[in-house]
PDB file of N, CA and C in Angstrom:
ATOM      1  N   MET A   1      10.224  38.032-225.114  1.00  0.00           N
ATOM      2  CA  MET A   1      10.230  37.997-223.566  1.00  0.00           C
ATOM      3  C   MET A   1      11.507  37.394-223.147  1.00  0.00           C
ATOM      4  N   LYS A   2      11.761  37.476-221.918  1.00  0.00           N
ATOM      5  CA  LYS A   2      12.853  37.062-221.163  1.00  0.00           C
ATOM      6  C   LYS A   2      12.701  37.002-219.711  1.00  0.00           C
ATOM      7  N   THR A   3      13.397  36.038-219.112  1.00  0.00           N
ATOM      8  CA  THR A   3      13.133  35.901-217.559  1.00  0.00           C
ATOM      9  C   THR A   3      13.650  37.098-216.897  1.00  0.00           C
ATOM     10  N   LYS A   4      13.130  37.503-215.852  1.00  0.00           N
ATOM     11  CA  LYS A   4      13.731  38.756-215.074  1.00  0.00           C
ATOM     12  C   LYS A   4      14.885  38.257-214.301  1.00  0.00           C
ATOM     13  N   LYS A   5      15.848  38.944-214.435  1.00  0.00           N
ATOM     14  CA  LYS A   5      17.197  38.692-213.535  1.00  0.00           C
ATOM     15  C   LYS A   5      16.852  38.422-212.106  1.00  0.00           C
ATOM     16  N   GLY A   6      17.440  37.524-211.539  1.00  0.00           N
ATOM     17  CA  GLY A   6      17.455  37.311-210.171  1.00  0.00           C
ATOM     18  C   GLY A   6      16.383  36.183-209.650  1.00  0.00           C
ATOM     19  N   PHE A   7      15.795  35.700-210.673  1.00  0.00           N
ATOM     20  CA  PHE A   7      14.760  34.550-210.254  1.00  0.00           C
ATOM     21  C   PHE A   7      15.342  33.175-210.746  1.00  0.00           C
ATOM     22  N   ARG A   8      15.354  32.262-209.817  1.00  0.00           N
ATOM     23  CA  ARG A   8      15.894  30.921-210.310  1.00  0.00           C
ATOM     24  C   ARG A   8      14.944  29.829-209.820  1.00  0.00           C
ATOM     25  N   LEU A   9      14.858  28.814-210.530  1.00  0.00           N
ATOM     26  CA  LEU A   9      14.034  27.635-210.097  1.00  0.00           C
ATOM     27  C   LEU A   9      14.705  26.814-209.234  1.00  0.00           C
ATOM     28  N   ARG A  10      14.137  26.452-208.108  1.00  0.00           N
ATOM     29  CA  ARG A  10      14.713  25.491-207.104  1.00  0.00           C
ATOM     30  C   ARG A  10      13.661  24.386-206.666  1.00  0.00           C
ATOM     31  N   THR A  11      14.156  23.289-206.240  1.00  0.00           N
ATOM     32  CA  THR A  11      13.333  22.199-205.850  1.00  0.00           C
ATOM     33  C   THR A  11      13.496  22.251-204.293  1.00  0.00           C
ATOM     34  N   VAL A  12      12.419  22.434-203.512  1.00  0.00           N
ATOM     35  CA  VAL A  12      12.383  22.449-201.933  1.00  0.00           C
ATOM     36  C   VAL A  12      11.286  21.556-201.745  1.00  0.00           C
ATOM     37  N   CYS A  13      11.779  20.596-200.860  1.00  0.00           N
ATOM     38  CA  CYS A  13      10.856  19.459-200.319  1.00  0.00           C
ATOM     39  C   CYS A  13       9.873  18.943-201.485  1.00  0.00           C
ATOM     40  N   GLY A  14      10.703  18.737-202.572  1.00  0.00           N
ATOM     41  CA  GLY A  14       9.948  18.011-203.740  1.00  0.00           C
ATOM     42  C   GLY A  14       9.121  18.901-204.537  1.00  0.00           C
ATOM     43  N   GLU A  15       8.902  20.233-204.227  1.00  0.00           N
ATOM     44  CA  GLU A  15       8.163  21.130-204.926  1.00  0.00           C
ATOM     45  C   GLU A  15       9.192  22.152-205.849  1.00  0.00           C
ATOM     46  N   ASN A  16       8.559  22.296-207.052  1.00  0.00           N
ATOM     47  CA  ASN A  16       9.451  23.395-207.907  1.00  0.00           C
ATOM     48  C   ASN A  16       8.952  24.721-207.604  1.00  0.00           C
ATOM     49  N   ILE A  17       9.812  25.597-206.991  1.00  0.00           N
ATOM     50  CA  ILE A  17       9.424  26.845-206.826  1.00  0.00           C
ATOM     51  C   ILE A  17      10.386  27.993-207.453  1.00  0.00           C
ATOM     52  N   ILE A  18      10.155  29.113-207.672  1.00  0.00           N
ATOM     53  CA  ILE A  18      10.881  30.253-208.059  1.00  0.00           C
ATOM     54  C   ILE A  18      11.328  30.906-206.790  1.00  0.00           C
ATOM     55  N   VAL A  19      12.558  31.091-206.819  1.00  0.00           N
ATOM     56  CA  VAL A  19      13.216  31.785-205.796  1.00  0.00           C
ATOM     57  C   VAL A  19      13.987  33.085-206.181  1.00  0.00           C
ATOM     58  N   ALA A  20      13.764  34.195-205.443  1.00  0.00           N
ATOM     59  CA  ALA A  20      14.293  35.459-205.834  1.00  0.00           C
ATOM     60  C   ALA A  20      15.720  35.566-205.168  1.00  0.00           C
ATOM     61  N   GLU A  21      16.652  35.697-206.048  1.00  0.00           N
ATOM     62  CA  GLU A  21      18.084  35.898-205.519  1.00  0.00           C
ATOM     63  C   GLU A  21      18.307  37.437-205.672  1.00  0.00           C
ATOM     64  N   GLY A  22      18.767  37.926-204.507  1.00  0.00           N
ATOM     65  CA  GLY A  22      19.128  39.371-204.310  1.00  0.00           C
ATOM     66  C   GLY A  22      18.006  40.218-203.664  1.00  0.00           C
ATOM     67  N   ILE A  23      18.494  41.118-202.932  1.00  0.00           N
ATOM     68  CA  ILE A  23      17.588  41.841-202.125  1.00  0.00           C
ATOM     69  C   ILE A  23      16.525  42.558-202.762  1.00  0.00           C
ATOM     70  N   GLU A  24      16.741  43.043-204.039  1.00  0.00           N
ATOM     71  CA  GLU A  24      15.759  43.804-204.808  1.00  0.00           C
ATOM     72  C   GLU A  24      14.660  42.955-205.196  1.00  0.00           C
ATOM     73  N   ASN A  25      14.789  41.641-205.178  1.00  0.00           N
ATOM     74  CA  ASN A  25      13.620  40.937-205.712  1.00  0.00           C
ATOM     75  C   ASN A  25      12.759  40.176-204.623  1.00  0.00           C
ATOM     76  N   ILE A  26      13.321  40.314-203.377  1.00  0.00           N
ATOM     77  CA  ILE A  26      12.593  39.523-202.180  1.00  0.00           C
ATOM     78  C   ILE A  26      11.194  40.117-202.006  1.00  0.00           C
ATOM     79  N   ASP A  27      10.254  39.218-202.010  1.00  0.00           N
ATOM     80  CA  ASP A  27       8.881  39.600-201.498  1.00  0.00           C
ATOM     81  C   ASP A  27       8.365  38.287-201.092  1.00  0.00           C
ATOM     82  N   PHE A  28       8.242  38.244-199.748  1.00  0.00           N
ATOM     83  CA  PHE A  28       7.806  37.039-198.993  1.00  0.00           C
ATOM     84  C   PHE A  28       6.248  36.856-198.945  1.00  0.00           C
ATOM     85  N   SER A  29       5.456  37.626-199.476  1.00  0.00           N
ATOM     86  CA  SER A  29       4.141  37.539-199.537  1.00  0.00           C
ATOM     87  C   SER A  29       3.463  36.654-200.414  1.00  0.00           C
ATOM     88  N   ARG A  30       4.255  35.993-201.262  1.00  0.00           N
ATOM     89  CA  ARG A  30       3.904  34.879-202.210  1.00  0.00           C
ATOM     90  C   ARG A  30       4.977  34.030-202.540  1.00  0.00           C
ATOM     91  N   ILE A  31       4.654  32.854-202.751  1.00  0.00           N
ATOM     92  CA  ILE A  31       5.623  31.784-203.384  1.00  0.00           C
ATOM     93  C   ILE A  31       5.097  31.370-204.757  1.00  0.00           C
ATOM     94  N   ILE A  32       6.091  31.452-205.701  1.00  0.00           N
ATOM     95  CA  ILE A  32       5.687  30.930-207.087  1.00  0.00           C
ATOM     96  C   ILE A  32       6.095  29.295-207.147  1.00  0.00           C
ATOM     97  N   SER A  33       4.979  28.608-207.248  1.00  0.00           N
ATOM     98  CA  SER A  33       5.141  27.197-207.390  1.00  0.00           C
ATOM     99  C   SER A  33       4.904  26.871-208.847  1.00  0.00           C
ATOM    100  N   MET A  34       5.704  25.773-209.218  1.00  0.00           N
ATOM    101  CA  MET A  34       5.462  25.443-210.773  1.00  0.00           C
ATOM    102  C   MET A  34       5.361  23.824-210.768  1.00  0.00           C
ATOM    103  N   ASN A  35       4.468  23.597-211.676  1.00  0.00           N
ATOM    104  CA  ASN A  35       4.311  22.043-211.897  1.00  0.00           C
ATOM    105  C   ASN A  35       5.461  21.559-212.828  1.00  0.00           C
ATOM    106  N   GLU A  36       5.359  20.300-213.068  1.00  0.00           N
ATOM    107  CA  GLU A  36       6.491  19.648-213.878  1.00  0.00           C
ATOM    108  C   GLU A  36       6.768  20.267-215.140  1.00  0.00           C
ATOM    109  N   SER A  37       5.719  20.478-215.971  1.00  0.00           N
ATOM    110  CA  SER A  37       5.794  21.093-217.317  1.00  0.00           C
ATOM    111  C   SER A  37       6.206  22.639-217.287  1.00  0.00           C
ATOM    112  N   SER A  38       5.671  23.314-216.307  1.00  0.00           N
ATOM    113  CA  SER A  38       6.071  24.765-216.350  1.00  0.00           C
ATOM    114  C   SER A  38       7.612  24.833-215.836  1.00  0.00           C
ATOM    115  N   ALA A  39       7.943  23.987-214.943  1.00  0.00           N
ATOM    116  CA  ALA A  39       9.347  24.025-214.394  1.00  0.00           C
ATOM    117  C   ALA A  39      10.308  23.555-215.644  1.00  0.00           C
ATOM    118  N   PHE A  40       9.763  22.551-216.437  1.00  0.00           N
ATOM    119  CA  PHE A  40      10.571  22.183-217.629  1.00  0.00           C
ATOM    120  C   PHE A  40      10.874  23.466-218.424  1.00  0.00           C
ATOM    121  N   LEU A  41       9.616  24.208-218.781  1.00  0.00           N
ATOM    122  CA  LEU A  41       9.820  25.399-219.706  1.00  0.00           C
ATOM    123  C   LEU A  41      10.682  26.410-218.985  1.00  0.00           C
ATOM    124  N   TRP A  42      10.567  26.597-217.784  1.00  0.00           N
ATOM    125  CA  TRP A  42      11.402  27.659-217.029  1.00  0.00           C
ATOM    126  C   TRP A  42      12.798  27.352-217.268  1.00  0.00           C
ATOM    127  N   LYS A  43      13.361  25.955-217.081  1.00  0.00           N
ATOM    128  CA  LYS A  43      14.628  25.692-217.251  1.00  0.00           C
ATOM    129  C   LYS A  43      15.156  25.917-218.661  1.00  0.00           C
ATOM    130  N   LYS A  44      14.404  25.834-219.721  1.00  0.00           N
ATOM    131  CA  LYS A  44      14.646  26.050-221.191  1.00  0.00           C
ATOM    132  C   LYS A  44      15.045  27.568-221.272  1.00  0.00           C
ATOM    133  N   VAL A  45      14.424  28.459-220.542  1.00  0.00           N
ATOM    134  CA  VAL A  45      14.527  29.936-220.850  1.00  0.00           C
ATOM    135  C   VAL A  45      15.133  30.720-219.590  1.00  0.00           C
ATOM    136  N   GLU A  46      15.480  30.062-218.562  1.00  0.00           N
ATOM    137  CA  GLU A  46      15.840  30.950-217.561  1.00  0.00           C
ATOM    138  C   GLU A  46      17.234  31.572-217.471  1.00  0.00           C
ATOM    139  N   ASN A  47      17.951  31.273-218.587  1.00  0.00           N
ATOM    140  CA  ASN A  47      19.361  32.031-218.569  1.00  0.00           C
ATOM    141  C   ASN A  47      19.200  33.281-219.039  1.00  0.00           C
ATOM    142  N   GLY A  48      18.225  33.850-219.414  1.00  0.00           N
ATOM    143  CA  GLY A  48      17.890  35.325-219.884  1.00  0.00           C
ATOM    144  C   GLY A  48      17.800  35.505-221.306  1.00  0.00           C
ATOM    145  N   GLN A  49      17.784  34.301-222.046  1.00  0.00           N
ATOM    146  CA  GLN A  49      17.624  34.568-223.577  1.00  0.00           C
ATOM    147  C   GLN A  49      16.165  35.012-223.853  1.00  0.00           C
ATOM    148  N   ASP A  50      16.227  35.718-224.963  1.00  0.00           N
ATOM    149  CA  ASP A  50      14.832  35.977-225.535  1.00  0.00           C
ATOM    150  C   ASP A  50      14.230  34.724-225.976  1.00  0.00           C
ATOM    151  N   PHE A  51      12.743  34.712-225.685  1.00  0.00           N
ATOM    152  CA  PHE A  51      11.988  33.726-226.110  1.00  0.00           C
ATOM    153  C   PHE A  51      10.638  34.268-226.510  1.00  0.00           C
ATOM    154  N   THR A  52       9.887  33.426-227.192  1.00  0.00           N
ATOM    155  CA  THR A  52       8.496  33.801-227.574  1.00  0.00           C
ATOM    156  C   THR A  52       7.601  32.701-227.163  1.00  0.00           C
ATOM    157  N   GLU A  53       6.282  32.954-227.223  1.00  0.00           N
ATOM    158  CA  GLU A  53       5.281  32.003-226.787  1.00  0.00           C
ATOM    159  C   GLU A  53       5.488  30.772-227.927  1.00  0.00           C
ATOM    160  N   GLU A  54       5.713  31.041-229.170  1.00  0.00           N
ATOM    161  CA  GLU A  54       5.983  30.046-230.079  1.00  0.00           C
ATOM    162  C   GLU A  54       7.177  29.116-229.733  1.00  0.00           C
ATOM    163  N   ASP A  55       8.178  29.698-229.162  1.00  0.00           N
ATOM    164  CA  ASP A  55       9.234  28.943-228.717  1.00  0.00           C
ATOM    165  C   ASP A  55       8.802  27.934-227.604  1.00  0.00           C
ATOM    166  N   LEU A  56       8.046  28.574-226.628  1.00  0.00           N
ATOM    167  CA  LEU A  56       7.517  27.654-225.486  1.00  0.00           C
ATOM    168  C   LEU A  56       6.703  26.639-225.990  1.00  0.00           C
ATOM    169  N   THR A  57       5.741  26.954-226.915  1.00  0.00           N
ATOM    170  CA  THR A  57       4.973  25.920-227.480  1.00  0.00           C
ATOM    171  C   THR A  57       5.582  24.827-228.192  1.00  0.00           C
ATOM    172  N   GLN A  58       6.651  25.182-228.904  1.00  0.00           N
ATOM    173  CA  GLN A  58       7.476  24.030-229.509  1.00  0.00           C
ATOM    174  C   GLN A  58       8.208  23.184-228.546  1.00  0.00           C
ATOM    175  N   TYR A  59       8.698  23.872-227.368  1.00  0.00           N
ATOM    176  CA  TYR A  59       9.351  23.050-226.424  1.00  0.00           C
ATOM    177  C   TYR A  59       8.412  22.047-225.821  1.00  0.00           C
ATOM    178  N   LEU A  60       7.133  22.562-225.537  1.00  0.00           N
ATOM    179  CA  LEU A  60       6.147  21.751-224.903  1.00  0.00           C
ATOM    180  C   LEU A  60       5.658  20.612-225.745  1.00  0.00           C
ATOM    181  N   THR A  61       5.498  20.790-227.038  1.00  0.00           N
ATOM    182  CA  THR A  61       4.981  19.800-227.847  1.00  0.00           C
ATOM    183  C   THR A  61       6.069  18.691-228.224  1.00  0.00           C
ATOM    184  N   ASP A  62       7.337  19.210-228.089  1.00  0.00           N
ATOM    185  CA  ASP A  62       8.559  18.336-228.331  1.00  0.00           C
ATOM    186  C   ASP A  62       8.751  17.443-227.187  1.00  0.00           C
ATOM    187  N   GLU A  63       8.361  17.976-225.960  1.00  0.00           N
ATOM    188  CA  GLU A  63       8.653  17.013-224.750  1.00  0.00           C
ATOM    189  C   GLU A  63       7.503  16.202-224.295  1.00  0.00           C
ATOM    190  N   TYR A  64       6.307  16.765-224.473  1.00  0.00           N
ATOM    191  CA  TYR A  64       5.114  16.089-223.947  1.00  0.00           C
ATOM    192  C   TYR A  64       4.134  15.830-225.095  1.00  0.00           C
ATOM    193  N   GLU A  65       3.182  14.706-224.978  1.00  0.00           N
ATOM    194  CA  GLU A  65       2.257  14.260-225.883  1.00  0.00           C
ATOM    195  C   GLU A  65       1.144  15.289-225.858  1.00  0.00           C
ATOM    196  N   VAL A  66       1.155  16.428-226.396  1.00  0.00           N
ATOM    197  CA  VAL A  66       0.100  17.366-226.313  1.00  0.00           C
ATOM    198  C   VAL A  66       0.017  17.898-227.837  1.00  0.00           C
ATOM    199  N   ASP A  67      -1.135  18.176-228.341  1.00  0.00           N
ATOM    200  CA  ASP A  67      -1.275  18.741-229.581  1.00  0.00           C
ATOM    201  C   ASP A  67      -0.979  20.295-229.619  1.00  0.00           C
ATOM    202  N   GLU A  68      -0.622  20.766-230.799  1.00  0.00           N
ATOM    203  CA  GLU A  68      -0.299  22.302-230.838  1.00  0.00           C
ATOM    204  C   GLU A  68      -1.245  23.222-230.237  1.00  0.00           C
ATOM    205  N   ALA A  69      -2.627  23.075-230.593  1.00  0.00           N
ATOM    206  CA  ALA A  69      -3.574  23.893-230.205  1.00  0.00           C
ATOM    207  C   ALA A  69      -3.738  23.930-228.751  1.00  0.00           C
ATOM    208  N   THR A  70      -3.647  22.839-227.911  1.00  0.00           N
ATOM    209  CA  THR A  70      -3.743  22.873-226.590  1.00  0.00           C
ATOM    210  C   THR A  70      -2.600  23.487-225.970  1.00  0.00           C
ATOM    211  N   ALA A  71      -1.393  23.124-226.434  1.00  0.00           N
ATOM    212  CA  ALA A  71      -0.101  23.586-226.034  1.00  0.00           C
ATOM    213  C   ALA A  71      -0.093  25.230-226.064  1.00  0.00           C
ATOM    214  N   ARG A  72      -0.638  25.693-227.260  1.00  0.00           N
ATOM    215  CA  ARG A  72      -0.616  27.233-227.470  1.00  0.00           C
ATOM    216  C   ARG A  72      -1.326  27.746-226.438  1.00  0.00           C
ATOM    217  N   LYS A  73      -2.649  27.321-226.071  1.00  0.00           N
ATOM    218  CA  LYS A  73      -3.527  27.716-225.072  1.00  0.00           C
ATOM    219  C   LYS A  73      -2.974  27.686-223.651  1.00  0.00           C
ATOM    220  N   ASP A  74      -2.199  26.541-223.384  1.00  0.00           N
ATOM    221  CA  ASP A  74      -1.548  26.619-222.066  1.00  0.00           C
ATOM    222  C   ASP A  74      -0.576  27.490-221.958  1.00  0.00           C
ATOM    223  N   ILE A  75       0.155  27.713-222.972  1.00  0.00           N
ATOM    224  CA  ILE A  75       1.408  28.662-223.026  1.00  0.00           C
ATOM    225  C   ILE A  75       0.920  30.098-222.880  1.00  0.00           C
ATOM    226  N   ASN A  76      -0.213  30.524-223.543  1.00  0.00           N
ATOM    227  CA  ASN A  76      -0.746  31.752-223.454  1.00  0.00           C
ATOM    228  C   ASN A  76      -1.125  31.955-221.943  1.00  0.00           C
ATOM    229  N   ALA A  77      -1.695  30.928-221.236  1.00  0.00           N
ATOM    230  CA  ALA A  77      -2.049  31.210-219.794  1.00  0.00           C
ATOM    231  C   ALA A  77      -0.812  31.405-218.907  1.00  0.00           C
ATOM    232  N   LEU A  78       0.144  30.477-219.271  1.00  0.00           N
ATOM    233  CA  LEU A  78       1.368  30.381-218.511  1.00  0.00           C
ATOM    234  C   LEU A  78       2.182  31.677-218.614  1.00  0.00           C
ATOM    235  N   THR A  79       2.269  32.265-219.679  1.00  0.00           N
ATOM    236  CA  THR A  79       3.052  33.523-219.839  1.00  0.00           C
ATOM    237  C   THR A  79       2.274  34.627-219.258  1.00  0.00           C
ATOM    238  N   ALA A  80       1.002  34.650-219.235  1.00  0.00           N
ATOM    239  CA  ALA A  80       0.271  35.640-218.610  1.00  0.00           C
ATOM    240  C   ALA A  80       0.441  35.682-217.163  1.00  0.00           C
ATOM    241  N   ASN A  81       0.562  34.308-216.611  1.00  0.00           N
ATOM    242  CA  ASN A  81       0.643  34.251-215.166  1.00  0.00           C
ATOM    243  C   ASN A  81       2.081  34.762-214.804  1.00  0.00           C
ATOM    244  N   TRP A  82       3.181  34.144-215.607  1.00  0.00           N
ATOM    245  CA  TRP A  82       4.522  34.747-215.321  1.00  0.00           C
ATOM    246  C   TRP A  82       4.659  36.109-215.327  1.00  0.00           C
ATOM    247  N   LEU A  83       4.010  36.936-216.287  1.00  0.00           N
ATOM    248  CA  LEU A  83       3.988  38.349-216.416  1.00  0.00           C
ATOM    249  C   LEU A  83       3.418  38.914-215.229  1.00  0.00           C
ATOM    250  N   LYS A  84       2.230  38.434-214.762  1.00  0.00           N
ATOM    251  CA  LYS A  84       1.525  38.834-213.532  1.00  0.00           C
ATOM    252  C   LYS A  84       2.285  38.743-212.381  1.00  0.00           C
ATOM    253  N   ALA A  85       3.162  37.525-212.247  1.00  0.00           N
ATOM    254  CA  ALA A  85       3.816  37.408-211.005  1.00  0.00           C
ATOM    255  C   ALA A  85       5.212  38.240-211.150  1.00  0.00           C
ATOM    256  N   GLY A  86       5.575  38.825-212.290  1.00  0.00           N
ATOM    257  CA  GLY A  86       6.795  39.651-212.356  1.00  0.00           C
ATOM    258  C   GLY A  86       8.119  38.844-212.447  1.00  0.00           C
ATOM    259  N   ILE A  87       7.936  37.772-213.071  1.00  0.00           N
ATOM    260  CA  ILE A  87       9.197  36.884-213.105  1.00  0.00           C
ATOM    261  C   ILE A  87       9.798  36.838-214.660  1.00  0.00           C
ATOM    262  N   ILE A  88       8.994  37.348-215.664  1.00  0.00           N
ATOM    263  CA  ILE A  88       9.423  37.576-216.872  1.00  0.00           C
ATOM    264  C   ILE A  88       9.285  38.958-217.275  1.00  0.00           C
ATOM    265  N   GLU A  89       9.862  39.542-218.392  1.00  0.00           N
ATOM    266  CA  GLU A  89       9.593  40.779-218.930  1.00  0.00           C
ATOM    267  C   GLU A  89       9.224  40.664-220.403  1.00  0.00           C
ATOM    268  N   PRO A  90       8.295  41.551-220.820  1.00  0.00           N
ATOM    269  CA  PRO A  90       7.786  41.454-222.209  1.00  0.00           C
ATOM    270  C   PRO A  90       8.822  41.571-223.250  1.00  0.00           C
TER     271      PRO A  90
END
Protein backbone atom coordinates (compact mmCIF):
# COMPACT_ATOMS: atom_id res chain seq x y z
CA MET A 1 0.00 0.00 0.00
CA LYS A 2 0.95 3.63 -0.23
CA THR A 3 -0.59 6.98 0.54
CA LYS A 4 -2.42 8.62 -2.32
CA LYS A 5 -0.63 11.64 -3.73
CA GLY A 6 -2.02 14.98 -2.68
CA PHE A 7 -3.20 14.19 0.85
CA ARG A 8 -1.42 15.68 3.86
CA LEU A 9 -1.97 15.60 7.59
CA ARG A 10 -2.58 18.98 9.16
CA THR A 11 -3.56 20.12 12.63
CA VAL A 12 -6.49 22.53 12.59
CA CYS A 13 -7.88 23.88 15.87
CA GLY A 14 -6.19 21.03 17.72
CA GLU A 15 -7.66 18.32 15.46
CA ASN A 16 -5.63 16.09 13.13
CA ILE A 17 -7.24 16.09 9.71
CA ILE A 18 -6.28 14.95 6.25
CA VAL A 19 -6.25 17.81 3.77
CA ALA A 20 -6.46 17.33 0.03
CA GLU A 21 -3.89 19.38 -1.85
CA GLY A 22 -4.60 20.04 -5.50
CA ILE A 23 -7.88 20.56 -7.31
CA GLU A 24 -8.21 16.90 -8.38
CA ASN A 25 -8.53 15.76 -4.75
CA ILE A 26 -10.95 18.35 -3.42
CA ASP A 27 -14.13 16.85 -1.97
CA PHE A 28 -15.76 19.07 0.59
CA SER A 29 -18.50 16.55 1.39
CA ARG A 30 -16.39 14.95 4.14
CA ILE A 31 -13.49 15.68 6.41
CA ILE A 32 -11.10 12.91 7.40
CA SER A 33 -10.23 13.28 11.08
CA MET A 34 -7.56 11.20 12.79
CA ASN A 35 -6.92 10.42 16.42
CA GLU A 36 -3.42 10.59 17.90
CA SER A 37 -2.36 7.05 16.99
CA SER A 38 -3.70 7.11 13.42
CA ALA A 39 -2.05 10.51 12.88
CA PHE A 40 1.22 9.04 14.18
CA LEU A 41 0.93 6.18 11.69
CA TRP A 42 0.03 8.52 8.82
CA LYS A 43 3.15 10.59 9.50
CA LYS A 44 5.25 7.41 9.27
CA VAL A 45 3.99 6.61 5.76
CA GLU A 46 2.75 9.87 4.20
CA ASN A 47 5.82 10.36 2.02
CA GLY A 48 4.53 7.87 -0.54
CA GLN A 49 6.70 4.91 0.43
CA ASP A 50 5.21 1.44 0.15
CA PHE A 51 4.02 -0.03 3.44
CA THR A 52 2.17 -3.09 4.67
CA GLU A 53 -0.22 -3.76 7.51
CA GLU A 54 2.69 -5.54 9.20
CA ASP A 55 4.73 -2.33 9.01
CA LEU A 56 1.92 -0.33 10.61
CA THR A 57 1.46 -2.99 13.29
CA GLN A 58 5.16 -2.78 14.13
CA TYR A 59 5.08 1.04 14.29
CA LEU A 60 2.07 0.86 16.60
CA THR A 61 3.55 -1.71 18.98
CA ASP A 62 6.88 0.13 19.07
CA GLU A 63 5.25 3.46 19.98
CA TYR A 64 2.32 2.44 22.19
CA GLU A 65 1.73 -0.09 24.93
CA VAL A 66 -0.43 -2.44 22.88
CA ASP A 67 -0.09 -6.15 22.24
CA GLU A 68 0.46 -7.40 18.70
CA ALA A 69 -2.95 -9.09 18.33
CA THR A 70 -4.81 -5.93 19.32
CA ALA A 71 -2.57 -3.77 17.14
CA ARG A 72 -3.11 -6.07 14.13
CA LYS A 73 -6.90 -5.92 14.59
CA ASP A 74 -6.81 -2.12 14.87
CA ILE A 75 -4.55 -1.82 11.81
CA ASN A 76 -6.87 -4.01 9.73
CA ALA A 77 -9.76 -1.68 10.58
CA LEU A 78 -7.65 1.43 10.01
CA THR A 79 -6.39 0.43 6.57
CA ALA A 80 -9.93 -0.58 5.54
CA ASN A 81 -11.12 2.92 6.55
CA TRP A 82 -8.22 4.60 4.75
CA LEU A 83 -8.95 2.59 1.58
CA LYS A 84 -12.66 3.43 1.79
CA ALA A 85 -11.83 7.12 2.24
CA GLY A 86 -9.56 6.96 -0.83
CA ILE A 87 -6.45 8.30 0.89
CA ILE A 88 -4.31 5.19 0.31
CA GLU A 89 -3.84 2.89 -2.65
CA PRO A 90 -3.62 -0.92 -2.38
